Amino acid sequence: MKSTSFKKRVKVLICDDNHEHVQGISELIKIEGDFDVVATTTSAATALILAKKYRPDVILMDMNMPEKDGLSAIYDIEKAGLETGIVALSAYDDSDLIFRAMKTGAKAYILKTMASAQLIKAIEEVSQGRTYLPQSLSCKFFNYFQALVKKQESETKDETNLLNTLTQREEEVLDLLTQGLTYKDVAKTLFIADTTVKTHVNNIFQKLQVSDRTGAVLYAINNGFMSKKRAQIAV
């Protein structure tokens, strides 16, 4: 006797503030045969209640919702630990919104204007525990992500750069030291006493965590001090 294997049907919850859109999506995914629409709602707040009740495999969440937006709803659903995959639906291919949706917990992001095959593919992938982004959106997502990472790395580097702890006068002294001037020449150039120069130099050593002039100059060169001074001159 042959054993018959039954494919598990995917339970889907639809949340969209446009009732007609909800009906259209419902009819579309029902036609596919392997999906069951267990609940629909036009309210993001109600979506969480329905998600707890029906435990859907996949939730289709509209990003632009009145009263409570889709991002907040995704956050609440994820926080509730329901272990359901969320597909973000949107009319906008905004890179920042895509990134925030995925960061908050969405496993896929689909434009409402995309072909129905994209939505079906998203549901199938997410129901299997995978993520999904159409190629056109994945390019925008990764470009945005890479730019964001570079920006954060730059900001972190700026925060840890000890040159930023120097006062304006200490920067002036360091600039002259990198040009090879002696302490006496620095004093003459800035019209200050030799002892004042030594005080500034000692402060520079402490702030840059070096023990001598050579260490201070090398730190300045290796951490963009010369580029900064050129930029200031250009301005």
C-alpha atoms as a PDB file:
ATOM      1  CA  MET A   1       0.000   0.000   0.000  1.00  0.00           C
ATOM      2  CA  LYS A   2       1.410   3.405  -0.991  1.00  0.00           C
ATOM      3  CA  SER A   3       1.982   5.927   1.777  1.00  0.00           C
ATOM      4  CA  THR A   4       0.571   9.325   1.000  1.00  0.00           C
ATOM      5  CA  SER A   5       2.503  12.374   2.231  1.00  0.00           C
ATOM      6  CA  PHE A   6       0.574  15.524   2.850  1.00  0.00           C
ATOM      7  CA  LYS A   7       2.221  18.906   2.436  1.00  0.00           C
ATOM      8  CA  LYS A   8       1.629  21.158   5.396  1.00  0.00           C
ATOM      9  CA  ARG A   9      -0.555  24.117   4.483  1.00  0.00           C
ATOM     10  CA  VAL A  10       0.857  27.514   5.355  1.00  0.00           C
ATOM     11  CA  LYS A  11      -1.308  29.615   7.652  1.00  0.00           C
ATOM     12  CA  VAL A  12      -1.337  33.280   6.630  1.00  0.00           C
ATOM     13  CA  LEU A  13      -2.579  36.396   8.425  1.00  0.00           C
ATOM     14  CA  ILE A  14      -3.097  39.542   6.348  1.00  0.00           C
ATOM     15  CA  CYS A  15      -2.924  43.050   7.797  1.00  0.00           C
ATOM     16  CA  ASP A  16      -3.588  45.974   5.455  1.00  0.00           C
ATOM     17  CA  ASP A  17      -5.629  49.141   6.000  1.00  0.00           C
ATOM     18  CA  ASN A  18      -7.109  48.832   2.497  1.00  0.00           C
ATOM     19  CA  HIS A  19      -9.999  46.358   2.679  1.00  0.00           C
ATOM     20  CA  GLU A  20     -10.036  45.787  -1.096  1.00  0.00           C
ATOM     21  CA  HIS A  21      -6.338  45.032  -1.071  1.00  0.00           C
ATOM     22  CA  VAL A  22      -6.867  42.529   1.732  1.00  0.00           C
ATOM     23  CA  GLN A  23      -9.555  40.772  -0.306  1.00  0.00           C
ATOM     24  CA  GLY A  24      -7.387  40.754  -3.412  1.00  0.00           C
ATOM     25  CA  ILE A  25      -4.428  39.207  -1.601  1.00  0.00           C
ATOM     26  CA  SER A  26      -6.675  36.654   0.074  1.00  0.00           C
ATOM     27  CA  GLU A  27      -8.085  35.477  -3.232  1.00  0.00           C
ATOM     28  CA  LEU A  28      -4.644  35.388  -4.814  1.00  0.00           C
ATOM     29  CA  ILE A  29      -2.978  33.201  -2.204  1.00  0.00           C
ATOM     30  CA  LYS A  30      -6.012  30.915  -1.847  1.00  0.00           C
ATOM     31  CA  ILE A  31      -5.716  30.080  -5.539  1.00  0.00           C
ATOM     32  CA  GLU A  32      -2.221  28.745  -4.916  1.00  0.00           C
ATOM     33  CA  GLY A  33      -3.689  25.868  -2.908  1.00  0.00           C
ATOM     34  CA  ASP A  34      -0.999  25.492  -0.215  1.00  0.00           C
ATOM     35  CA  PHE A  35      -2.012  28.569   1.808  1.00  0.00           C
ATOM     36  CA  ASP A  36      -4.821  29.101   4.277  1.00  0.00           C
ATOM     37  CA  VAL A  37      -5.805  32.661   5.187  1.00  0.00           C
ATOM     38  CA  VAL A  38      -6.609  32.216   8.884  1.00  0.00           C
ATOM     39  CA  ALA A  39      -7.453  35.883   9.561  1.00  0.00           C
ATOM     40  CA  THR A  40      -7.449  39.369   8.054  1.00  0.00           C
ATOM     41  CA  THR A  41      -7.507  42.808   9.626  1.00  0.00           C
ATOM     42  CA  THR A  42      -7.174  46.457   8.689  1.00  0.00           C
ATOM     43  CA  SER A  43      -5.665  47.329  12.096  1.00  0.00           C
ATOM     44  CA  ALA A  44      -2.042  46.807  13.115  1.00  0.00           C
ATOM     45  CA  ALA A  45      -3.027  46.664  16.785  1.00  0.00           C
ATOM     46  CA  THR A  46      -5.560  43.920  16.065  1.00  0.00           C
ATOM     47  CA  ALA A  47      -2.941  41.999  14.094  1.00  0.00           C
ATOM     48  CA  LEU A  48      -1.062  41.170  17.292  1.00  0.00           C
ATOM     49  CA  ILE A  49      -4.230  39.850  18.944  1.00  0.00           C
ATOM     50  CA  LEU A  50      -5.036  37.687  15.909  1.00  0.00           C
ATOM     51  CA  ALA A  51      -1.448  36.496  15.668  1.00  0.00           C
ATOM     52  CA  LYS A  52      -1.563  35.261  19.263  1.00  0.00           C
ATOM     53  CA  LYS A  53      -4.895  33.541  18.606  1.00  0.00           C
ATOM     54  CA  TYR A  54      -4.172  31.813  15.285  1.00  0.00           C
ATOM     55  CA  ARG A  55      -0.375  31.426  15.409  1.00  0.00           C
ATOM     56  CA  PRO A  56       0.077  31.949  11.636  1.00  0.00           C
ATOM     57  CA  ASP A  57       3.187  30.766   9.834  1.00  0.00           C
ATOM     58  CA  VAL A  58       3.375  34.027   7.897  1.00  0.00           C
ATOM     59  CA  ILE A  59       2.002  37.536   8.483  1.00  0.00           C
ATOM     60  CA  LEU A  60       1.662  39.986   5.599  1.00  0.00           C
ATOM     61  CA  MET A  61       2.100  43.398   7.217  1.00  0.00           C
ATOM     62  CA  ASP A  62       1.356  46.693   5.492  1.00  0.00           C
ATOM     63  CA  MET A  63       3.992  49.306   6.419  1.00  0.00           C
ATOM     64  CA  ASN A  64       1.767  52.362   6.038  1.00  0.00           C
ATOM     65  CA  MET A  65      -1.011  51.924   8.582  1.00  0.00           C
ATOM     66  CA  PRO A  66      -3.116  54.505  10.449  1.00  0.00           C
ATOM     67  CA  GLU A  67      -2.864  54.823  14.239  1.00  0.00           C
ATOM     68  CA  LYS A  68      -0.071  52.244  14.495  1.00  0.00           C
ATOM     69  CA  ASP A  69       2.447  51.761  11.698  1.00  0.00           C
ATOM     70  CA  GLY A  70       3.759  48.492  10.361  1.00  0.00           C
ATOM     71  CA  LEU A  71       7.202  48.849  11.942  1.00  0.00           C
ATOM     72  CA  SER A  72       5.681  49.140  15.423  1.00  0.00           C
ATOM     73  CA  ALA A  73       3.452  46.141  14.725  1.00  0.00           C
ATOM     74  CA  ILE A  74       6.424  44.056  13.564  1.00  0.00           C
ATOM     75  CA  TYR A  75       8.325  45.005  16.701  1.00  0.00           C
ATOM     76  CA  ASP A  76       5.417  44.004  18.958  1.00  0.00           C
ATOM     77  CA  ILE A  77       4.902  40.687  17.168  1.00  0.00           C
ATOM     78  CA  GLU A  78       8.600  39.866  17.381  1.00  0.00           C
ATOM     79  CA  LYS A  79       8.679  40.860  21.045  1.00  0.00           C
ATOM     80  CA  ALA A  80       5.752  38.508  21.729  1.00  0.00           C
ATOM     81  CA  GLY A  81       7.925  35.588  20.582  1.00  0.00           C
ATOM     82  CA  LEU A  82       5.297  34.082  18.289  1.00  0.00           C
ATOM     83  CA  GLU A  83       7.896  32.608  15.917  1.00  0.00           C
ATOM     84  CA  THR A  84       5.991  33.726  12.845  1.00  0.00           C
ATOM     85  CA  GLY A  85       7.626  35.028   9.686  1.00  0.00           C
ATOM     86  CA  ILE A  86       6.659  38.547   8.656  1.00  0.00           C
ATOM     87  CA  VAL A  87       6.499  39.846   5.093  1.00  0.00           C
ATOM     88  CA  ALA A  88       6.512  43.639   4.911  1.00  0.00           C
ATOM     89  CA  LEU A  89       4.200  45.081   2.249  1.00  0.00           C
ATOM     90  CA  SER A  90       4.771  48.620   1.033  1.00  0.00           C
ATOM     91  CA  ALA A  91       4.116  51.026  -1.791  1.00  0.00           C
ATOM     92  CA  TYR A  92       7.603  52.527  -1.325  1.00  0.00           C
ATOM     93  CA  ASP A  93      11.031  51.168  -2.289  1.00  0.00           C
ATOM     94  CA  ASP A  94      12.679  53.475   0.246  1.00  0.00           C
ATOM     95  CA  SER A  95      16.074  52.071   1.262  1.00  0.00           C
ATOM     96  CA  ASP A  96      15.812  53.271   4.835  1.00  0.00           C
ATOM     97  CA  LEU A  97      12.349  51.751   5.282  1.00  0.00           C
ATOM     98  CA  ILE A  98      13.520  48.425   3.829  1.00  0.00           C
ATOM     99  CA  PHE A  99      16.472  48.407   6.208  1.00  0.00           C
ATOM    100  CA  ARG A 100      14.382  49.315   9.262  1.00  0.00           C
ATOM    101  CA  ALA A 101      11.734  46.719   8.418  1.00  0.00           C
ATOM    102  CA  MET A 102      14.325  43.948   8.101  1.00  0.00           C
ATOM    103  CA  LYS A 103      16.190  45.155  11.182  1.00  0.00           C
ATOM    104  CA  THR A 104      12.976  45.193  13.224  1.00  0.00           C
ATOM    105  CA  GLY A 105      12.166  41.607  12.300  1.00  0.00           C
ATOM    106  CA  ALA A 106      10.600  41.322   8.839  1.00  0.00           C
ATOM    107  CA  LYS A 107      11.923  38.366   6.836  1.00  0.00           C
ATOM    108  CA  ALA A 108      10.857  39.752   3.467  1.00  0.00           C
ATOM    109  CA  TYR A 109       9.939  43.068   1.867  1.00  0.00           C
ATOM    110  CA  ILE A 110       7.620  43.277  -1.132  1.00  0.00           C
ATOM    111  CA  LEU A 111       6.227  46.217  -3.083  1.00  0.00           C
ATOM    112  CA  LYS A 112       2.471  46.193  -3.625  1.00  0.00           C
ATOM    113  CA  THR A 113       3.081  47.002  -7.294  1.00  0.00           C
ATOM    114  CA  MET A 114       5.192  43.887  -7.859  1.00  0.00           C
ATOM    115  CA  ALA A 115       3.953  40.827  -9.713  1.00  0.00           C
ATOM    116  CA  SER A 116       1.902  38.387  -7.663  1.00  0.00           C
ATOM    117  CA  ALA A 117       4.604  35.754  -8.184  1.00  0.00           C
ATOM    118  CA  GLN A 118       6.938  37.818  -5.994  1.00  0.00           C
ATOM    119  CA  LEU A 119       4.455  37.785  -3.121  1.00  0.00           C
ATOM    120  CA  ILE A 120       3.885  34.036  -3.428  1.00  0.00           C
ATOM    121  CA  LYS A 121       7.644  33.477  -3.510  1.00  0.00           C
ATOM    122  CA  ALA A 122       8.060  35.619  -0.402  1.00  0.00           C
ATOM    123  CA  ILE A 123       5.417  33.658   1.524  1.00  0.00           C
ATOM    124  CA  GLU A 124       6.971  30.348   0.492  1.00  0.00           C
ATOM    125  CA  GLU A 125      10.491  31.395   1.474  1.00  0.00           C
ATOM    126  CA  VAL A 126       9.502  32.950   4.795  1.00  0.00           C
ATOM    127  CA  SER A 127       7.326  29.965   5.730  1.00  0.00           C
ATOM    128  CA  GLN A 128      10.454  27.819   5.339  1.00  0.00           C
ATOM    129  CA  GLY A 129      12.401  30.030   7.722  1.00  0.00           C
ATOM    130  CA  ARG A 130      14.297  31.889   5.014  1.00  0.00           C
ATOM    131  CA  THR A 131      14.488  35.572   4.068  1.00  0.00           C
ATOM    132  CA  TYR A 132      13.480  37.058   0.737  1.00  0.00           C
ATOM    133  CA  LEU A 133      14.086  40.289  -1.148  1.00  0.00           C
ATOM    134  CA  PRO A 134      13.424  40.724  -4.876  1.00  0.00           C
ATOM    135  CA  GLN A 135      16.643  41.507  -6.733  1.00  0.00           C
ATOM    136  CA  SER A 136      15.751  45.153  -7.325  1.00  0.00           C
ATOM    137  CA  LEU A 137      15.214  45.697  -3.597  1.00  0.00           C
ATOM    138  CA  SER A 138      18.145  43.595  -2.416  1.00  0.00           C
ATOM    139  CA  CYS A 139      20.542  45.874  -4.336  1.00  0.00           C
ATOM    140  CA  LYS A 140      19.066  48.947  -2.636  1.00  0.00           C
ATOM    141  CA  PHE A 141      19.149  47.204   0.754  1.00  0.00           C
ATOM    142  CA  PHE A 142      22.797  46.125   0.573  1.00  0.00           C
ATOM    143  CA  ASN A 143      23.986  49.445  -0.871  1.00  0.00           C
ATOM    144  CA  TYR A 144      22.244  51.251   1.964  1.00  0.00           C
ATOM    145  CA  PHE A 145      23.605  48.770   4.522  1.00  0.00           C
ATOM    146  CA  GLN A 146      27.185  49.133   3.291  1.00  0.00           C
ATOM    147  CA  ALA A 147      26.945  52.932   3.289  1.00  0.00           C
ATOM    148  CA  LEU A 148      25.542  52.837   6.832  1.00  0.00           C
ATOM    149  CA  VAL A 149      28.331  50.557   8.061  1.00  0.00           C
ATOM    150  CA  LYS A 150      30.987  52.828   6.550  1.00  0.00           C
ATOM    151  CA  LYS A 151      29.385  55.856   8.163  1.00  0.00           C
ATOM    152  CA  GLN A 152      29.266  54.161  11.565  1.00  0.00           C
ATOM    153  CA  GLU A 153      32.897  53.025  11.232  1.00  0.00           C
ATOM    154  CA  SER A 154      33.908  56.584  10.368  1.00  0.00           C
ATOM    155  CA  GLU A 155      32.017  57.986  13.349  1.00  0.00           C
ATOM    156  CA  THR A 156      33.562  55.371  15.659  1.00  0.00           C
ATOM    157  CA  LYS A 157      37.005  56.186  14.334  1.00  0.00           C
ATOM    158  CA  ASP A 158      36.405  59.890  14.965  1.00  0.00           C
ATOM    159  CA  GLU A 159      35.246  59.175  18.498  1.00  0.00           C
ATOM    160  CA  THR A 160      38.369  57.122  19.292  1.00  0.00           C
ATOM    161  CA  ASN A 161      40.799  59.508  17.573  1.00  0.00           C
ATOM    162  CA  LEU A 162      42.777  61.099  20.399  1.00  0.00           C
ATOM    163  CA  LEU A 163      43.518  64.111  18.186  1.00  0.00           C
ATOM    164  CA  ASN A 164      39.958  65.254  18.882  1.00  0.00           C
ATOM    165  CA  THR A 165      40.890  65.829  22.539  1.00  0.00           C
ATOM    166  CA  LEU A 166      43.409  68.566  21.679  1.00  0.00           C
ATOM    167  CA  THR A 167      42.620  72.236  22.162  1.00  0.00           C
ATOM    168  CA  GLN A 168      43.035  74.649  19.269  1.00  0.00           C
ATOM    169  CA  ARG A 169      46.349  75.929  20.666  1.00  0.00           C
ATOM    170  CA  GLU A 170      47.628  72.369  21.157  1.00  0.00           C
ATOM    171  CA  GLU A 171      46.730  71.618  17.530  1.00  0.00           C
ATOM    172  CA  GLU A 172      48.718  74.681  16.450  1.00  0.00           C
ATOM    173  CA  VAL A 173      51.738  73.509  18.444  1.00  0.00           C
ATOM    174  CA  LEU A 174      51.455  69.963  17.075  1.00  0.00           C
ATOM    175  CA  ASP A 175      51.163  71.302  13.538  1.00  0.00           C
ATOM    176  CA  LEU A 176      54.424  73.181  13.908  1.00  0.00           C
ATOM    177  CA  LEU A 177      56.120  70.151  15.457  1.00  0.00           C
ATOM    178  CA  THR A 178      55.129  68.029  12.452  1.00  0.00           C
ATOM    179  CA  GLN A 179      56.834  70.676  10.271  1.00  0.00           C
ATOM    180  CA  GLY A 180      60.093  70.087  12.144  1.00  0.00           C
ATOM    181  CA  LEU A 181      60.233  73.308  14.164  1.00  0.00           C
ATOM    182  CA  THR A 182      62.108  73.337  17.481  1.00  0.00           C
ATOM    183  CA  TYR A 183      60.335  74.283  20.696  1.00  0.00           C
ATOM    184  CA  LYS A 184      62.048  77.684  20.565  1.00  0.00           C
ATOM    185  CA  ASP A 185      60.886  78.238  16.965  1.00  0.00           C
ATOM    186  CA  VAL A 186      57.348  77.222  17.940  1.00  0.00           C
ATOM    187  CA  ALA A 187      57.432  79.822  20.716  1.00  0.00           C
ATOM    188  CA  LYS A 188      58.567  82.541  18.305  1.00  0.00           C
ATOM    189  CA  THR A 189      55.992  81.589  15.658  1.00  0.00           C
ATOM    190  CA  LEU A 190      53.083  81.619  18.128  1.00  0.00           C
ATOM    191  CA  PHE A 191      54.425  84.559  20.166  1.00  0.00           C
ATOM    192  CA  ILE A 192      54.365  82.601  23.415  1.00  0.00           C
ATOM    193  CA  ALA A 193      56.976  81.758  26.057  1.00  0.00           C
ATOM    194  CA  ASP A 194      59.223  78.680  25.810  1.00  0.00           C
ATOM    195  CA  THR A 195      57.759  77.355  29.061  1.00  0.00           C
ATOM    196  CA  THR A 196      54.235  77.692  27.645  1.00  0.00           C
ATOM    197  CA  VAL A 197      55.270  75.629  24.610  1.00  0.00           C
ATOM    198  CA  LYS A 198      56.645  72.916  26.919  1.00  0.00           C
ATOM    199  CA  THR A 199      53.366  72.912  28.859  1.00  0.00           C
ATOM    200  CA  HIS A 200      51.371  72.469  25.632  1.00  0.00           C
ATOM    201  CA  VAL A 201      53.752  69.729  24.454  1.00  0.00           C
ATOM    202  CA  ASN A 202      53.386  67.810  27.734  1.00  0.00           C
ATOM    203  CA  ASN A 203      49.586  68.075  27.429  1.00  0.00           C
ATOM    204  CA  ILE A 204      49.803  66.781  23.853  1.00  0.00           C
ATOM    205  CA  PHE A 205      51.914  63.812  24.981  1.00  0.00           C
ATOM    206  CA  GLN A 206      49.407  62.922  27.706  1.00  0.00           C
ATOM    207  CA  LYS A 207      46.360  63.235  25.457  1.00  0.00           C
ATOM    208  CA  LEU A 208      47.889  61.272  22.585  1.00  0.00           C
ATOM    209  CA  GLN A 209      49.311  58.721  25.035  1.00  0.00           C
ATOM    210  CA  VAL A 210      52.858  59.034  23.709  1.00  0.00           C
ATOM    211  CA  SER A 211      56.150  59.670  25.489  1.00  0.00           C
ATOM    212  CA  ASP A 212      58.049  61.887  23.077  1.00  0.00           C
ATOM    213  CA  ARG A 213      57.857  64.251  20.127  1.00  0.00           C
ATOM    214  CA  THR A 214      58.445  61.497  17.565  1.00  0.00           C
ATOM    215  CA  GLY A 215      55.502  59.501  18.924  1.00  0.00           C
ATOM    216  CA  ALA A 216      53.257  62.569  18.793  1.00  0.00           C
ATOM    217  CA  VAL A 217      54.211  63.362  15.190  1.00  0.00           C
ATOM    218  CA  LEU A 218      53.735  59.744  14.066  1.00  0.00           C
ATOM    219  CA  TYR A 219      50.321  59.561  15.758  1.00  0.00           C
ATOM    220  CA  ALA A 220      49.295  62.801  14.039  1.00  0.00           C
ATOM    221  CA  ILE A 221      50.375  61.552  10.621  1.00  0.00           C
ATOM    222  CA  ASN A 222      48.776  58.114  11.015  1.00  0.00           C
ATOM    223  CA  ASN A 223      45.452  59.499  12.228  1.00  0.00           C
ATOM    224  CA  GLY A 224      44.650  62.102   9.600  1.00  0.00           C
ATOM    225  CA  PHE A 225      45.980  65.235  11.280  1.00  0.00           C
ATOM    226  CA  MET A 226      47.754  66.449   8.150  1.00  0.00           C
ATOM    227  CA  SER A 227      44.622  65.940   6.015  1.00  0.00           C
ATOM    228  CA  LYS A 228      42.570  67.847   8.566  1.00  0.00           C
ATOM    229  CA  LYS A 229      44.984  70.802   8.534  1.00  0.00           C
ATOM    230  CA  ARG A 230      45.010  70.880   4.713  1.00  0.00           C
ATOM    231  CA  ALA A 231      41.211  70.871   4.692  1.00  0.00           C
ATOM    232  CA  GLN A 232      41.142  73.788   7.130  1.00  0.00           C
ATOM    233  CA  ILE A 233      43.585  75.749   4.978  1.00  0.00           C
ATOM    234  CA  ALA A 234      41.496  75.066   1.866  1.00  0.00           C
ATOM    235  CA  VAL A 235      38.400  76.445   3.580  1.00  0.00           C
END
